Amino acid sequence: MENFIHQENIELYRRLLAETTDEGKRDSLLNLMRAEAANRASPPIKCKTKPLN
């Protein structure tokens, strides 16, 4: 579910970027997109190692 929300937020920012020519708004939207992409939930890493003992 979280991945869906992140993806929808990024798509919203893309649409808004396409609609505006104001450089200040574009910079803000690009920063929001970068932050959203950085915060995207990554799948947990599963380790298949055996215990040493």
N, C-alpha and C. Protein backbone atom coordinates (compact mmCIF):
# COMPACT_ATOMS: atom_id res chain seq x y z
N MET A 1 0.82 -1.19 0.00
CA MET A 1 0.00 0.00 0.00
C MET A 1 0.87 1.26 0.00
N GLU A 2 1.93 1.25 0.82
CA GLU A 2 2.81 2.41 0.89
C GLU A 2 3.46 2.69 -0.46
N ASN A 3 3.86 1.63 -1.16
CA ASN A 3 4.49 1.79 -2.46
C ASN A 3 3.52 2.47 -3.44
N PHE A 4 2.25 2.11 -3.38
CA PHE A 4 1.24 2.72 -4.24
C PHE A 4 1.14 4.21 -3.96
N ILE A 5 1.12 4.58 -2.69
CA ILE A 5 1.01 5.99 -2.32
C ILE A 5 2.22 6.78 -2.80
N HIS A 6 3.41 6.21 -2.62
CA HIS A 6 4.63 6.87 -3.10
C HIS A 6 4.56 7.09 -4.61
N GLN A 7 4.14 6.05 -5.33
CA GLN A 7 4.06 6.14 -6.79
C GLN A 7 3.04 7.19 -7.22
N GLU A 8 1.90 7.24 -6.56
CA GLU A 8 0.88 8.24 -6.89
C GLU A 8 1.38 9.65 -6.60
N ASN A 9 2.10 9.83 -5.50
CA ASN A 9 2.65 11.15 -5.19
C ASN A 9 3.63 11.60 -6.27
N ILE A 10 4.48 10.70 -6.73
CA ILE A 10 5.44 11.03 -7.77
C ILE A 10 4.72 11.40 -9.06
N GLU A 11 3.68 10.66 -9.41
CA GLU A 11 2.91 10.97 -10.61
C GLU A 11 2.22 12.33 -10.49
N LEU A 12 1.72 12.66 -9.32
CA LEU A 12 1.10 13.97 -9.10
C LEU A 12 2.13 15.08 -9.31
N TYR A 13 3.31 14.91 -8.75
CA TYR A 13 4.35 15.92 -8.91
C TYR A 13 4.75 16.07 -10.38
N ARG A 14 4.78 14.96 -11.12
CA ARG A 14 5.10 15.03 -12.56
C ARG A 14 4.04 15.83 -13.32
N ARG A 15 2.78 15.58 -13.01
CA ARG A 15 1.70 16.32 -13.68
C ARG A 15 1.80 17.80 -13.37
N LEU A 16 2.05 18.12 -12.10
CA LEU A 16 2.15 19.53 -11.72
C LEU A 16 3.36 20.20 -12.38
N LEU A 17 4.46 19.46 -12.51
CA LEU A 17 5.64 19.99 -13.19
C LEU A 17 5.33 20.32 -14.64
N ALA A 18 4.54 19.48 -15.28
CA ALA A 18 4.20 19.70 -16.69
C ALA A 18 3.31 20.92 -16.87
N GLU A 19 2.58 21.31 -15.83
CA GLU A 19 1.63 22.41 -15.93
C GLU A 19 2.20 23.77 -15.57
N THR A 20 3.32 23.82 -14.87
CA THR A 20 3.83 25.11 -14.40
C THR A 20 5.12 25.51 -15.10
N THR A 21 5.28 26.81 -15.27
CA THR A 21 6.52 27.33 -15.83
C THR A 21 7.28 28.18 -14.80
N ASP A 22 6.68 28.38 -13.63
CA ASP A 22 7.30 29.16 -12.56
C ASP A 22 8.48 28.38 -12.00
N GLU A 23 9.68 28.96 -12.10
CA GLU A 23 10.90 28.26 -11.67
C GLU A 23 10.90 27.91 -10.18
N GLY A 24 10.36 28.77 -9.35
CA GLY A 24 10.30 28.49 -7.91
C GLY A 24 9.42 27.29 -7.61
N LYS A 25 8.26 27.22 -8.27
CA LYS A 25 7.36 26.08 -8.08
C LYS A 25 8.00 24.80 -8.63
N ARG A 26 8.67 24.93 -9.78
CA ARG A 26 9.31 23.76 -10.37
C ARG A 26 10.41 23.21 -9.46
N ASP A 27 11.20 24.11 -8.88
CA ASP A 27 12.24 23.67 -7.94
C ASP A 27 11.64 22.96 -6.74
N SER A 28 10.55 23.52 -6.21
CA SER A 28 9.89 22.90 -5.06
C SER A 28 9.35 21.52 -5.42
N LEU A 29 8.72 21.41 -6.58
CA LEU A 29 8.16 20.13 -7.01
C LEU A 29 9.27 19.10 -7.25
N LEU A 30 10.37 19.54 -7.83
CA LEU A 30 11.49 18.61 -8.03
C LEU A 30 12.05 18.12 -6.70
N ASN A 31 12.13 19.02 -5.73
CA ASN A 31 12.60 18.61 -4.40
C ASN A 31 11.63 17.62 -3.76
N LEU A 32 10.34 17.86 -3.91
CA LEU A 32 9.34 16.93 -3.38
C LEU A 32 9.46 15.57 -4.06
N MET A 33 9.66 15.57 -5.37
CA MET A 33 9.82 14.30 -6.09
C MET A 33 11.04 13.54 -5.61
N ARG A 34 12.14 14.27 -5.43
CA ARG A 34 13.36 13.61 -4.96
C ARG A 34 13.17 13.02 -3.56
N ALA A 35 12.53 13.78 -2.70
CA ALA A 35 12.30 13.30 -1.34
C ALA A 35 11.38 12.09 -1.34
N GLU A 36 10.36 12.12 -2.16
CA GLU A 36 9.42 11.00 -2.24
C GLU A 36 10.12 9.76 -2.77
N ALA A 37 10.95 9.93 -3.77
CA ALA A 37 11.69 8.79 -4.33
C ALA A 37 12.67 8.22 -3.31
N ALA A 38 13.30 9.10 -2.54
CA ALA A 38 14.25 8.65 -1.52
C ALA A 38 13.56 7.93 -0.37
N ASN A 39 12.33 8.31 -0.09
CA ASN A 39 11.59 7.71 1.04
C ASN A 39 10.79 6.49 0.64
N ARG A 40 10.86 6.12 -0.62
CA ARG A 40 10.09 4.96 -1.07
C ARG A 40 10.48 3.73 -0.25
N ALA A 41 9.50 3.00 0.14
CA ALA A 41 9.74 1.81 0.96
C ALA A 41 10.49 0.77 0.14
N SER A 42 11.59 0.31 0.68
CA SER A 42 12.34 -0.74 -0.01
C SER A 42 12.01 -2.08 0.64
N PRO A 43 12.05 -3.14 -0.15
CA PRO A 43 11.72 -4.45 0.42
C PRO A 43 12.75 -4.86 1.46
N PRO A 44 12.32 -5.56 2.48
CA PRO A 44 13.28 -6.00 3.50
C PRO A 44 14.29 -6.98 2.91
N ILE A 45 15.50 -6.93 3.42
CA ILE A 45 16.55 -7.83 2.97
C ILE A 45 16.49 -9.10 3.81
N LYS A 46 16.42 -10.22 3.13
CA LYS A 46 16.38 -11.51 3.83
C LYS A 46 17.74 -12.16 3.71
N CYS A 47 18.26 -12.55 4.84
CA CYS A 47 19.58 -13.17 4.87
C CYS A 47 19.40 -14.68 5.07
N LYS A 48 20.07 -15.47 4.24
CA LYS A 48 19.95 -16.92 4.32
C LYS A 48 21.27 -17.54 4.75
N THR A 49 21.89 -16.96 5.75
CA THR A 49 23.15 -17.53 6.24
C THR A 49 22.85 -18.45 7.42
N LYS A 50 23.75 -19.36 7.63
CA LYS A 50 23.61 -20.29 8.75
C LYS A 50 24.38 -19.73 9.95
N PRO A 51 23.91 -20.00 11.16
CA PRO A 51 24.63 -19.56 12.36
C PRO A 51 26.01 -20.21 12.42
N LEU A 52 26.96 -19.50 13.02
CA LEU A 52 28.33 -20.02 13.12
C LEU A 52 28.47 -21.16 14.12
N ASN A 53 27.60 -21.20 15.12
CA ASN A 53 27.72 -22.26 16.16
C ASN A 53 26.92 -23.45 15.80
